[in-house]
Amino acid sequence: MIKQTFVALLLSVGASSVFAAGTVKVFSNGSSEAKTLTGAEHLIDLVGQPRLANSWWPGAVISEELATAAALRQQQALLTRLAELAADSSADDAAAINAL
């Protein structure tokens, strides 16, 4: 029991010291350009940035470059598949698929 508690404590301490990449790009709704932040060694440094004041943090997504690239490939594959389905469907079905 003590060993499990100790391991849980270590994991929680380790999770609080998540390191950010050297340069962090922040995209926000309503802005076409990313805010580039540097010097955020820990996640708390990023959250405390004055440039991110009035940000909606519950809706934040923290990603890693390779994971983002993989998600973009999956999105492109899905869009390609939807376009193929729309081409093979009736006009009403194609309109519904294209609305996605």
PDB file of N, CA and C in Angstrom:
ATOM      1  N   MET A   1       0.822  -1.194   0.000  1.00  0.00           N
ATOM      2  CA  MET A   1       0.000   0.000   0.000  1.00  0.00           C
ATOM      3  C   MET A   1       0.864   1.255   0.000  1.00  0.00           C
ATOM      4  N   ILE A   2       1.891   1.270   0.842  1.00  0.00           N
ATOM      5  CA  ILE A   2       2.780   2.427   0.907  1.00  0.00           C
ATOM      6  C   ILE A   2       3.542   2.561  -0.407  1.00  0.00           C
ATOM      7  N   LYS A   3       3.937   1.422  -0.987  1.00  0.00           N
ATOM      8  CA  LYS A   3       4.665   1.452  -2.254  1.00  0.00           C
ATOM      9  C   LYS A   3       3.789   2.053  -3.353  1.00  0.00           C
ATOM     10  N   GLN A   4       2.516   1.675  -3.406  1.00  0.00           N
ATOM     11  CA  GLN A   4       1.603   2.211  -4.416  1.00  0.00           C
ATOM     12  C   GLN A   4       1.393   3.710  -4.218  1.00  0.00           C
ATOM     13  N   THR A   5       1.266   4.127  -2.982  1.00  0.00           N
ATOM     14  CA  THR A   5       1.094   5.548  -2.687  1.00  0.00           C
ATOM     15  C   THR A   5       2.329   6.328  -3.099  1.00  0.00           C
ATOM     16  N   PHE A   6       3.510   5.770  -2.835  1.00  0.00           N
ATOM     17  CA  PHE A   6       4.762   6.428  -3.195  1.00  0.00           C
ATOM     18  C   PHE A   6       4.889   6.549  -4.710  1.00  0.00           C
ATOM     19  N   VAL A   7       4.544   5.492  -5.435  1.00  0.00           N
ATOM     20  CA  VAL A   7       4.599   5.523  -6.901  1.00  0.00           C
ATOM     21  C   VAL A   7       3.613   6.551  -7.441  1.00  0.00           C
ATOM     22  N   ALA A   8       2.417   6.603  -6.882  1.00  0.00           N
ATOM     23  CA  ALA A   8       1.421   7.583  -7.316  1.00  0.00           C
ATOM     24  C   ALA A   8       1.911   9.005  -7.064  1.00  0.00           C
ATOM     25  N   LEU A   9       2.565   9.219  -5.932  1.00  0.00           N
ATOM     26  CA  LEU A   9       3.115  10.531  -5.618  1.00  0.00           C
ATOM     27  C   LEU A   9       4.197  10.911  -6.616  1.00  0.00           C
ATOM     28  N   LEU A  10       5.083   9.976  -6.928  1.00  0.00           N
ATOM     29  CA  LEU A  10       6.140  10.252  -7.908  1.00  0.00           C
ATOM     30  C   LEU A  10       5.560  10.585  -9.278  1.00  0.00           C
ATOM     31  N   LEU A  11       4.541   9.847  -9.688  1.00  0.00           N
ATOM     32  CA  LEU A  11       3.916  10.113 -10.984  1.00  0.00           C
ATOM     33  C   LEU A  11       3.252  11.480 -11.017  1.00  0.00           C
ATOM     34  N   SER A  12       2.598  11.855  -9.932  1.00  0.00           N
ATOM     35  CA  SER A  12       1.933  13.159  -9.915  1.00  0.00           C
ATOM     36  C   SER A  12       2.945  14.294  -9.917  1.00  0.00           C
ATOM     37  N   VAL A  13       4.063  14.119  -9.226  1.00  0.00           N
ATOM     38  CA  VAL A  13       5.112  15.136  -9.238  1.00  0.00           C
ATOM     39  C   VAL A  13       5.739  15.206 -10.626  1.00  0.00           C
ATOM     40  N   GLY A  14       5.965  14.056 -11.240  1.00  0.00           N
ATOM     41  CA  GLY A  14       6.535  14.030 -12.588  1.00  0.00           C
ATOM     42  C   GLY A  14       5.607  14.651 -13.603  1.00  0.00           C
ATOM     43  N   ALA A  15       4.309  14.442 -13.456  1.00  0.00           N
ATOM     44  CA  ALA A  15       3.341  15.004 -14.403  1.00  0.00           C
ATOM     45  C   ALA A  15       3.268  16.519 -14.287  1.00  0.00           C
ATOM     46  N   SER A  16       3.538  17.055 -13.118  1.00  0.00           N
ATOM     47  CA  SER A  16       3.463  18.503 -12.954  1.00  0.00           C
ATOM     48  C   SER A  16       4.657  19.212 -13.561  1.00  0.00           C
ATOM     49  N   SER A  17       5.691  18.468 -13.905  1.00  0.00           N
ATOM     50  CA  SER A  17       6.873  19.094 -14.492  1.00  0.00           C
ATOM     51  C   SER A  17       6.996  18.744 -15.965  1.00  0.00           C
ATOM     52  N   VAL A  18       5.881  18.792 -16.669  1.00  0.00           N
ATOM     53  CA  VAL A  18       5.876  18.503 -18.099  1.00  0.00           C
ATOM     54  C   VAL A  18       6.667  19.586 -18.807  1.00  0.00           C
ATOM     55  N   PHE A  19       7.584  19.172 -19.671  1.00  0.00           N
ATOM     56  CA  PHE A  19       8.403  20.127 -20.396  1.00  0.00           C
ATOM     57  C   PHE A  19       7.760  20.488 -21.719  1.00  0.00           C
ATOM     58  N   ALA A  20       7.794  21.757 -22.047  1.00  0.00           N
ATOM     59  CA  ALA A  20       7.313  22.214 -23.343  1.00  0.00           C
ATOM     60  C   ALA A  20       8.476  22.211 -24.317  1.00  0.00           C
ATOM     61  N   ALA A  21       8.161  22.227 -25.586  1.00  0.00           N
ATOM     62  CA  ALA A  21       9.193  22.306 -26.610  1.00  0.00           C
ATOM     63  C   ALA A  21       9.878  23.658 -26.494  1.00  0.00           C
ATOM     64  N   GLY A  22      11.021  23.806 -27.161  1.00  0.00           N
ATOM     65  CA  GLY A  22      11.753  25.064 -27.100  1.00  0.00           C
ATOM     66  C   GLY A  22      10.905  26.241 -27.545  1.00  0.00           C
ATOM     67  N   THR A  23      10.137  26.056 -28.587  1.00  0.00           N
ATOM     68  CA  THR A  23       9.239  27.089 -29.089  1.00  0.00           C
ATOM     69  C   THR A  23       7.829  26.524 -29.098  1.00  0.00           C
ATOM     70  N   VAL A  24       6.900  27.261 -28.541  1.00  0.00           N
ATOM     71  CA  VAL A  24       5.515  26.816 -28.466  1.00  0.00           C
ATOM     72  C   VAL A  24       4.671  27.749 -29.319  1.00  0.00           C
ATOM     73  N   LYS A  25       3.900  27.170 -30.231  1.00  0.00           N
ATOM     74  CA  LYS A  25       2.988  27.959 -31.058  1.00  0.00           C
ATOM     75  C   LYS A  25       1.582  27.788 -30.509  1.00  0.00           C
ATOM     76  N   VAL A  26       0.908  28.897 -30.278  1.00  0.00           N
ATOM     77  CA  VAL A  26      -0.437  28.869 -29.729  1.00  0.00           C
ATOM     78  C   VAL A  26      -1.391  29.451 -30.769  1.00  0.00           C
ATOM     79  N   PHE A  27      -2.352  28.636 -31.177  1.00  0.00           N
ATOM     80  CA  PHE A  27      -3.372  29.070 -32.122  1.00  0.00           C
ATOM     81  C   PHE A  27      -4.641  29.351 -31.343  1.00  0.00           C
ATOM     82  N   SER A  28      -5.264  30.474 -31.615  1.00  0.00           N
ATOM     83  CA  SER A  28      -6.505  30.789 -30.912  1.00  0.00           C
ATOM     84  C   SER A  28      -7.594  31.118 -31.917  1.00  0.00           C
ATOM     85  N   ASN A  29      -8.808  30.881 -31.502  1.00  0.00           N
ATOM     86  CA  ASN A  29      -9.961  31.145 -32.348  1.00  0.00           C
ATOM     87  C   ASN A  29     -10.066  32.644 -32.605  1.00  0.00           C
ATOM     88  N   GLY A  30     -10.320  33.021 -33.835  1.00  0.00           N
ATOM     89  CA  GLY A  30     -10.450  34.429 -34.172  1.00  0.00           C
ATOM     90  C   GLY A  30      -9.159  35.067 -34.630  1.00  0.00           C
ATOM     91  N   SER A  31      -8.079  34.319 -34.617  1.00  0.00           N
ATOM     92  CA  SER A  31      -6.792  34.834 -35.071  1.00  0.00           C
ATOM     93  C   SER A  31      -6.208  33.856 -36.075  1.00  0.00           C
ATOM     94  N   SER A  32      -5.788  34.373 -37.213  1.00  0.00           N
ATOM     95  CA  SER A  32      -5.250  33.487 -38.245  1.00  0.00           C
ATOM     96  C   SER A  32      -3.775  33.186 -38.021  1.00  0.00           C
ATOM     97  N   GLU A  33      -3.117  33.968 -37.181  1.00  0.00           N
ATOM     98  CA  GLU A  33      -1.698  33.746 -36.932  1.00  0.00           C
ATOM     99  C   GLU A  33      -1.480  33.179 -35.532  1.00  0.00           C
ATOM    100  N   ALA A  34      -0.464  32.349 -35.428  1.00  0.00           N
ATOM    101  CA  ALA A  34      -0.130  31.741 -34.137  1.00  0.00           C
ATOM    102  C   ALA A  34       0.692  32.707 -33.297  1.00  0.00           C
ATOM    103  N   LYS A  35       0.504  32.627 -31.996  1.00  0.00           N
ATOM    104  CA  LYS A  35       1.366  33.350 -31.066  1.00  0.00           C
ATOM    105  C   LYS A  35       2.525  32.423 -30.757  1.00  0.00           C
ATOM    106  N   THR A  36       3.745  32.887 -30.945  1.00  0.00           N
ATOM    107  CA  THR A  36       4.920  32.072 -30.687  1.00  0.00           C
ATOM    108  C   THR A  36       5.504  32.466 -29.339  1.00  0.00           C
ATOM    109  N   LEU A  37       5.601  31.499 -28.448  1.00  0.00           N
ATOM    110  CA  LEU A  37       6.111  31.738 -27.102  1.00  0.00           C
ATOM    111  C   LEU A  37       7.401  30.960 -26.907  1.00  0.00           C
ATOM    112  N   THR A  38       8.344  31.571 -26.254  1.00  0.00           N
ATOM    113  CA  THR A  38       9.608  30.899 -25.954  1.00  0.00           C
ATOM    114  C   THR A  38       9.857  30.969 -24.454  1.00  0.00           C
ATOM    115  N   GLY A  39      10.773  30.169 -23.995  1.00  0.00           N
ATOM    116  CA  GLY A  39      11.148  30.200 -22.589  1.00  0.00           C
ATOM    117  C   GLY A  39      10.156  29.528 -21.663  1.00  0.00           C
ATOM    118  N   ALA A  40       9.306  28.689 -22.194  1.00  0.00           N
ATOM    119  CA  ALA A  40       8.341  27.970 -21.356  1.00  0.00           C
ATOM    120  C   ALA A  40       8.905  26.587 -21.065  1.00  0.00           C
ATOM    121  N   GLU A  41       9.744  26.510 -20.042  1.00  0.00           N
ATOM    122  CA  GLU A  41      10.377  25.236 -19.700  1.00  0.00           C
ATOM    123  C   GLU A  41       9.377  24.254 -19.113  1.00  0.00           C
ATOM    124  N   HIS A  42       8.443  24.760 -18.326  1.00  0.00           N
ATOM    125  CA  HIS A  42       7.415  23.924 -17.708  1.00  0.00           C
ATOM    126  C   HIS A  42       6.043  24.389 -18.178  1.00  0.00           C
ATOM    127  N   LEU A  43       5.069  23.517 -18.056  1.00  0.00           N
ATOM    128  CA  LEU A  43       3.714  23.849 -18.473  1.00  0.00           C
ATOM    129  C   LEU A  43       3.182  25.066 -17.724  1.00  0.00           C
ATOM    130  N   ILE A  44       3.500  25.199 -16.464  1.00  0.00           N
ATOM    131  CA  ILE A  44       3.029  26.344 -15.681  1.00  0.00           C
ATOM    132  C   ILE A  44       3.581  27.649 -16.242  1.00  0.00           C
ATOM    133  N   ASP A  45       4.784  27.613 -16.825  1.00  0.00           N
ATOM    134  CA  ASP A  45       5.348  28.805 -17.453  1.00  0.00           C
ATOM    135  C   ASP A  45       4.521  29.219 -18.665  1.00  0.00           C
ATOM    136  N   LEU A  46       4.008  28.259 -19.376  1.00  0.00           N
ATOM    137  CA  LEU A  46       3.181  28.541 -20.547  1.00  0.00           C
ATOM    138  C   LEU A  46       1.826  29.104 -20.131  1.00  0.00           C
ATOM    139  N   VAL A  47       1.211  28.499 -19.143  1.00  0.00           N
ATOM    140  CA  VAL A  47      -0.114  28.931 -18.689  1.00  0.00           C
ATOM    141  C   VAL A  47      -0.053  30.338 -18.106  1.00  0.00           C
ATOM    142  N   GLY A  48       1.062  30.696 -17.489  1.00  0.00           N
ATOM    143  CA  GLY A  48       1.196  32.004 -16.862  1.00  0.00           C
ATOM    144  C   GLY A  48       1.629  33.121 -17.790  1.00  0.00           C
ATOM    145  N   GLN A  49       1.757  32.849 -19.074  1.00  0.00           N
ATOM    146  CA  GLN A  49       2.192  33.875 -20.023  1.00  0.00           C
ATOM    147  C   GLN A  49       1.144  34.984 -20.133  1.00  0.00           C
ATOM    148  N   PRO A  50       1.542  36.253 -19.972  1.00  0.00           N
ATOM    149  CA  PRO A  50       0.582  37.355 -20.108  1.00  0.00           C
ATOM    150  C   PRO A  50      -0.033  37.437 -21.507  1.00  0.00           C
ATOM    151  N   ARG A  51       0.694  36.983 -22.523  1.00  0.00           N
ATOM    152  CA  ARG A  51       0.175  37.037 -23.892  1.00  0.00           C
ATOM    153  C   ARG A  51      -1.015  36.106 -24.084  1.00  0.00           C
ATOM    154  N   LEU A  52      -1.203  35.179 -23.151  1.00  0.00           N
ATOM    155  CA  LEU A  52      -2.316  34.240 -23.256  1.00  0.00           C
ATOM    156  C   LEU A  52      -3.448  34.575 -22.289  1.00  0.00           C
ATOM    157  N   ALA A  53      -3.426  35.794 -21.762  1.00  0.00           N
ATOM    158  CA  ALA A  53      -4.506  36.210 -20.861  1.00  0.00           C
ATOM    159  C   ALA A  53      -5.828  36.164 -21.616  1.00  0.00           C
ATOM    160  N   ASN A  54      -6.870  35.880 -20.914  1.00  0.00           N
ATOM    161  CA  ASN A  54      -8.225  35.768 -21.473  1.00  0.00           C
ATOM    162  C   ASN A  54      -8.357  34.608 -22.447  1.00  0.00           C
ATOM    163  N   SER A  55      -7.478  33.618 -22.347  1.00  0.00           N
ATOM    164  CA  SER A  55      -7.599  32.416 -23.175  1.00  0.00           C
ATOM    165  C   SER A  55      -8.538  31.441 -22.482  1.00  0.00           C
ATOM    166  N   TRP A  56      -9.184  30.620 -23.270  1.00  0.00           N
ATOM    167  CA  TRP A  56     -10.122  29.641 -22.729  1.00  0.00           C
ATOM    168  C   TRP A  56      -9.370  28.331 -22.529  1.00  0.00           C
ATOM    169  N   TRP A  57      -8.775  28.155 -21.365  1.00  0.00           N
ATOM    170  CA  TRP A  57      -7.919  26.997 -21.103  1.00  0.00           C
ATOM    171  C   TRP A  57      -8.652  25.667 -21.057  1.00  0.00           C
ATOM    172  N   PRO A  58      -9.916  25.586 -20.631  1.00  0.00           N
ATOM    173  CA  PRO A  58     -10.576  24.271 -20.680  1.00  0.00           C
ATOM    174  C   PRO A  58     -10.681  23.719 -22.101  1.00  0.00           C
ATOM    175  N   GLY A  59     -10.631  24.595 -23.092  1.00  0.00           N
ATOM    176  CA  GLY A  59     -10.707  24.144 -24.480  1.00  0.00           C
ATOM    177  C   GLY A  59      -9.348  23.993 -25.122  1.00  0.00           C
ATOM    178  N   ALA A  60      -8.284  24.063 -24.339  1.00  0.00           N
ATOM    179  CA  ALA A  60      -6.931  23.996 -24.889  1.00  0.00           C
ATOM    180  C   ALA A  60      -6.559  22.572 -25.279  1.00  0.00           C
ATOM    181  N   VAL A  61      -5.750  22.476 -26.296  1.00  0.00           N
ATOM    182  CA  VAL A  61      -5.216  21.193 -26.743  1.00  0.00           C
ATOM    183  C   VAL A  61      -3.705  21.323 -26.764  1.00  0.00           C
ATOM    184  N   ILE A  62      -3.039  20.437 -26.089  1.00  0.00           N
ATOM    185  CA  ILE A  62      -1.580  20.428 -26.087  1.00  0.00           C
ATOM    186  C   ILE A  62      -1.150  19.260 -26.950  1.00  0.00           C
ATOM    187  N   SER A  63      -0.373  19.560 -27.966  1.00  0.00           N
ATOM    188  CA  SER A  63       0.012  18.496 -28.890  1.00  0.00           C
ATOM    189  C   SER A  63       1.511  18.503 -29.124  1.00  0.00           C
ATOM    190  N   GLU A  64       1.963  17.469 -29.750  1.00  0.00           N
ATOM    191  CA  GLU A  64       3.365  17.292 -30.093  1.00  0.00           C
ATOM    192  C   GLU A  64       3.434  17.248 -31.608  1.00  0.00           C
ATOM    193  N   GLU A  65       4.522  17.752 -32.174  1.00  0.00           N
ATOM    194  CA  GLU A  65       4.624  17.940 -33.618  1.00  0.00           C
ATOM    195  C   GLU A  65       4.344  16.673 -34.420  1.00  0.00           C
ATOM    196  N   LEU A  66       4.914  15.546 -34.028  1.00  0.00           N
ATOM    197  CA  LEU A  66       4.687  14.309 -34.780  1.00  0.00           C
ATOM    198  C   LEU A  66       3.248  13.826 -34.642  1.00  0.00           C
ATOM    199  N   ALA A  67       2.665  14.009 -33.467  1.00  0.00           N
ATOM    200  CA  ALA A  67       1.265  13.619 -33.278  1.00  0.00           C
ATOM    201  C   ALA A  67       0.349  14.507 -34.110  1.00  0.00           C
ATOM    202  N   THR A  68       0.690  15.775 -34.213  1.00  0.00           N
ATOM    203  CA  THR A  68      -0.098  16.689 -35.037  1.00  0.00           C
ATOM    204  C   THR A  68      -0.022  16.283 -36.499  1.00  0.00           C
ATOM    205  N   ALA A  69       1.168  15.930 -36.968  1.00  0.00           N
ATOM    206  CA  ALA A  69       1.328  15.497 -38.362  1.00  0.00           C
ATOM    207  C   ALA A  69       0.518  14.231 -38.636  1.00  0.00           C
ATOM    208  N   ALA A  70       0.516  13.306 -37.697  1.00  0.00           N
ATOM    209  CA  ALA A  70      -0.261  12.072 -37.863  1.00  0.00           C
ATOM    210  C   ALA A  70      -1.757  12.382 -37.901  1.00  0.00           C
ATOM    211  N   ALA A  71      -2.212  13.280 -37.047  1.00  0.00           N
ATOM    212  CA  ALA A  71      -3.630  13.655 -37.036  1.00  0.00           C
ATOM    213  C   ALA A  71      -4.022  14.344 -38.339  1.00  0.00           C
ATOM    214  N   LEU A  72      -3.131  15.160 -38.887  1.00  0.00           N
ATOM    215  CA  LEU A  72      -3.422  15.813 -40.171  1.00  0.00           C
ATOM    216  C   LEU A  72      -3.512  14.797 -41.303  1.00  0.00           C
ATOM    217  N   ARG A  73      -2.658  13.771 -41.273  1.00  0.00           N
ATOM    218  CA  ARG A  73      -2.732  12.708 -42.290  1.00  0.00           C
ATOM    219  C   ARG A  73      -4.053  11.950 -42.172  1.00  0.00           C
ATOM    220  N   GLN A  74      -4.467  11.666 -40.954  1.00  0.00           N
ATOM    221  CA  GLN A  74      -5.743  10.975 -40.746  1.00  0.00           C
ATOM    222  C   GLN A  74      -6.909  11.836 -41.222  1.00  0.00           C
ATOM    223  N   GLN A  75      -6.850  13.125 -40.955  1.00  0.00           N
ATOM    224  CA  GLN A  75      -7.909  14.026 -41.401  1.00  0.00           C
ATOM    225  C   GLN A  75      -7.968  14.056 -42.927  1.00  0.00           C
ATOM    226  N   GLN A  76      -6.803  14.137 -43.576  1.00  0.00           N
ATOM    227  CA  GLN A  76      -6.777  14.168 -45.036  1.00  0.00           C
ATOM    228  C   GLN A  76      -7.321  12.867 -45.620  1.00  0.00           C
ATOM    229  N   ALA A  77      -6.982  11.738 -45.009  1.00  0.00           N
ATOM    230  CA  ALA A  77      -7.499  10.451 -45.478  1.00  0.00           C
ATOM    231  C   ALA A  77      -9.019  10.397 -45.333  1.00  0.00           C
ATOM    232  N   LEU A  78      -9.534  10.914 -44.231  1.00  0.00           N
ATOM    233  CA  LEU A  78     -10.980  10.948 -44.022  1.00  0.00           C
ATOM    234  C   LEU A  78     -11.664  11.836 -45.058  1.00  0.00           C
ATOM    235  N   LEU A  79     -11.094  13.008 -45.308  1.00  0.00           N
ATOM    236  CA  LEU A  79     -11.682  13.911 -46.299  1.00  0.00           C
ATOM    237  C   LEU A  79     -11.661  13.301 -47.695  1.00  0.00           C
ATOM    238  N   THR A  80     -10.590  12.584 -48.021  1.00  0.00           N
ATOM    239  CA  THR A  80     -10.506  11.906 -49.314  1.00  0.00           C
ATOM    240  C   THR A  80     -11.579  10.836 -49.417  1.00  0.00           C
ATOM    241  N   ARG A  81     -11.741  10.061 -48.364  1.00  0.00           N
ATOM    242  CA  ARG A  81     -12.760   9.001 -48.356  1.00  0.00           C
ATOM    243  C   ARG A  81     -14.169   9.588 -48.468  1.00  0.00           C
ATOM    244  N   LEU A  82     -14.427  10.690 -47.775  1.00  0.00           N
ATOM    245  CA  LEU A  82     -15.732  11.341 -47.873  1.00  0.00           C
ATOM    246  C   LEU A  82     -15.985  11.864 -49.285  1.00  0.00           C
ATOM    247  N   ALA A  83     -14.957  12.406 -49.930  1.00  0.00           N
ATOM    248  CA  ALA A  83     -15.106  12.890 -51.308  1.00  0.00           C
ATOM    249  C   ALA A  83     -15.427  11.735 -52.249  1.00  0.00           C
ATOM    250  N   GLU A  84     -14.786  10.576 -52.028  1.00  0.00           N
ATOM    251  CA  GLU A  84     -15.072   9.394 -52.845  1.00  0.00           C
ATOM    252  C   GLU A  84     -16.511   8.924 -52.633  1.00  0.00           C
ATOM    253  N   LEU A  85     -16.953   8.910 -51.381  1.00  0.00           N
ATOM    254  CA  LEU A  85     -18.332   8.512 -51.085  1.00  0.00           C
ATOM    255  C   LEU A  85     -19.334   9.475 -51.723  1.00  0.00           C
ATOM    256  N   ALA A  86     -19.036  10.765 -51.667  1.00  0.00           N
ATOM    257  CA  ALA A  86     -19.931  11.756 -52.257  1.00  0.00           C
ATOM    258  C   ALA A  86     -20.023  11.578 -53.763  1.00  0.00           C
ATOM    259  N   ALA A  87     -18.902  11.236 -54.399  1.00  0.00           N
ATOM    260  CA  ALA A  87     -18.895  11.050 -55.850  1.00  0.00           C
ATOM    261  C   ALA A  87     -19.721   9.836 -56.260  1.00  0.00           C
ATOM    262  N   ASP A  88     -19.787   8.828 -55.401  1.00  0.00           N
ATOM    263  CA  ASP A  88     -20.522   7.596 -55.707  1.00  0.00           C
ATOM    264  C   ASP A  88     -21.957   7.610 -55.194  1.00  0.00           C
ATOM    265  N   SER A  89     -22.410   8.719 -54.621  1.00  0.00           N
ATOM    266  CA  SER A  89     -23.734   8.776 -53.990  1.00  0.00           C
ATOM    267  C   SER A  89     -24.711   9.583 -54.832  1.00  0.00           C
ATOM    268  N   SER A  90     -25.978   9.489 -54.441  1.00  0.00           N
ATOM    269  CA  SER A  90     -27.012  10.298 -55.093  1.00  0.00           C
ATOM    270  C   SER A  90     -26.791  11.772 -54.751  1.00  0.00           C
ATOM    271  N   ALA A  91     -27.507  12.641 -55.423  1.00  0.00           N
ATOM    272  CA  ALA A  91     -27.323  14.081 -55.225  1.00  0.00           C
ATOM    273  C   ALA A  91     -27.605  14.496 -53.784  1.00  0.00           C
ATOM    274  N   ASP A  92     -28.685  13.976 -53.205  1.00  0.00           N
ATOM    275  CA  ASP A  92     -29.027  14.336 -51.823  1.00  0.00           C
ATOM    276  C   ASP A  92     -27.979  13.830 -50.837  1.00  0.00           C
ATOM    277  N   ASP A  93     -27.561  12.574 -51.030  1.00  0.00           N
ATOM    278  CA  ASP A  93     -26.540  12.007 -50.142  1.00  0.00           C
ATOM    279  C   ASP A  93     -25.217  12.746 -50.311  1.00  0.00           C
ATOM    280  N   ALA A  94     -24.868  13.057 -51.548  1.00  0.00           N
ATOM    281  CA  ALA A  94     -23.616  13.775 -51.811  1.00  0.00           C
ATOM    282  C   ALA A  94     -23.637  15.154 -51.158  1.00  0.00           C
ATOM    283  N   ALA A  95     -24.779  15.823 -51.213  1.00  0.00           N
ATOM    284  CA  ALA A  95     -24.895  17.139 -50.577  1.00  0.00           C
ATOM    285  C   ALA A  95     -24.710  17.032 -49.067  1.00  0.00           C
ATOM    286  N   ALA A  96     -25.287  15.989 -48.475  1.00  0.00           N
ATOM    287  CA  ALA A  96     -25.136  15.786 -47.029  1.00  0.00           C
ATOM    288  C   ALA A  96     -23.689  15.477 -46.668  1.00  0.00           C
ATOM    289  N   ILE A  97     -23.038  14.637 -47.471  1.00  0.00           N
ATOM    290  CA  ILE A  97     -21.636  14.286 -47.207  1.00  0.00           C
ATOM    291  C   ILE A  97     -20.752  15.509 -47.369  1.00  0.00           C
ATOM    292  N   ASN A  98     -20.984  16.287 -48.415  1.00  0.00           N
ATOM    293  CA  ASN A  98     -20.162  17.476 -48.658  1.00  0.00           C
ATOM    294  C   ASN A  98     -20.380  18.555 -47.608  1.00  0.00           C
ATOM    295  N   ALA A  99     -21.524  18.526 -46.938  1.00  0.00           N
ATOM    296  CA  ALA A  99     -21.785  19.494 -45.872  1.00  0.00           C
ATOM    297  C   ALA A  99     -20.908  19.233 -44.653  1.00  0.00           C
ATOM    298  N   LEU A 100     -20.389  18.009 -44.544  1.00  0.00           N
ATOM    299  CA  LEU A 100     -19.512  17.684 -43.424  1.00  0.00           C
ATOM    300  C   LEU A 100     -18.219  18.421 -43.589  1.00  0.00           C
TER     301      LEU A 100
END
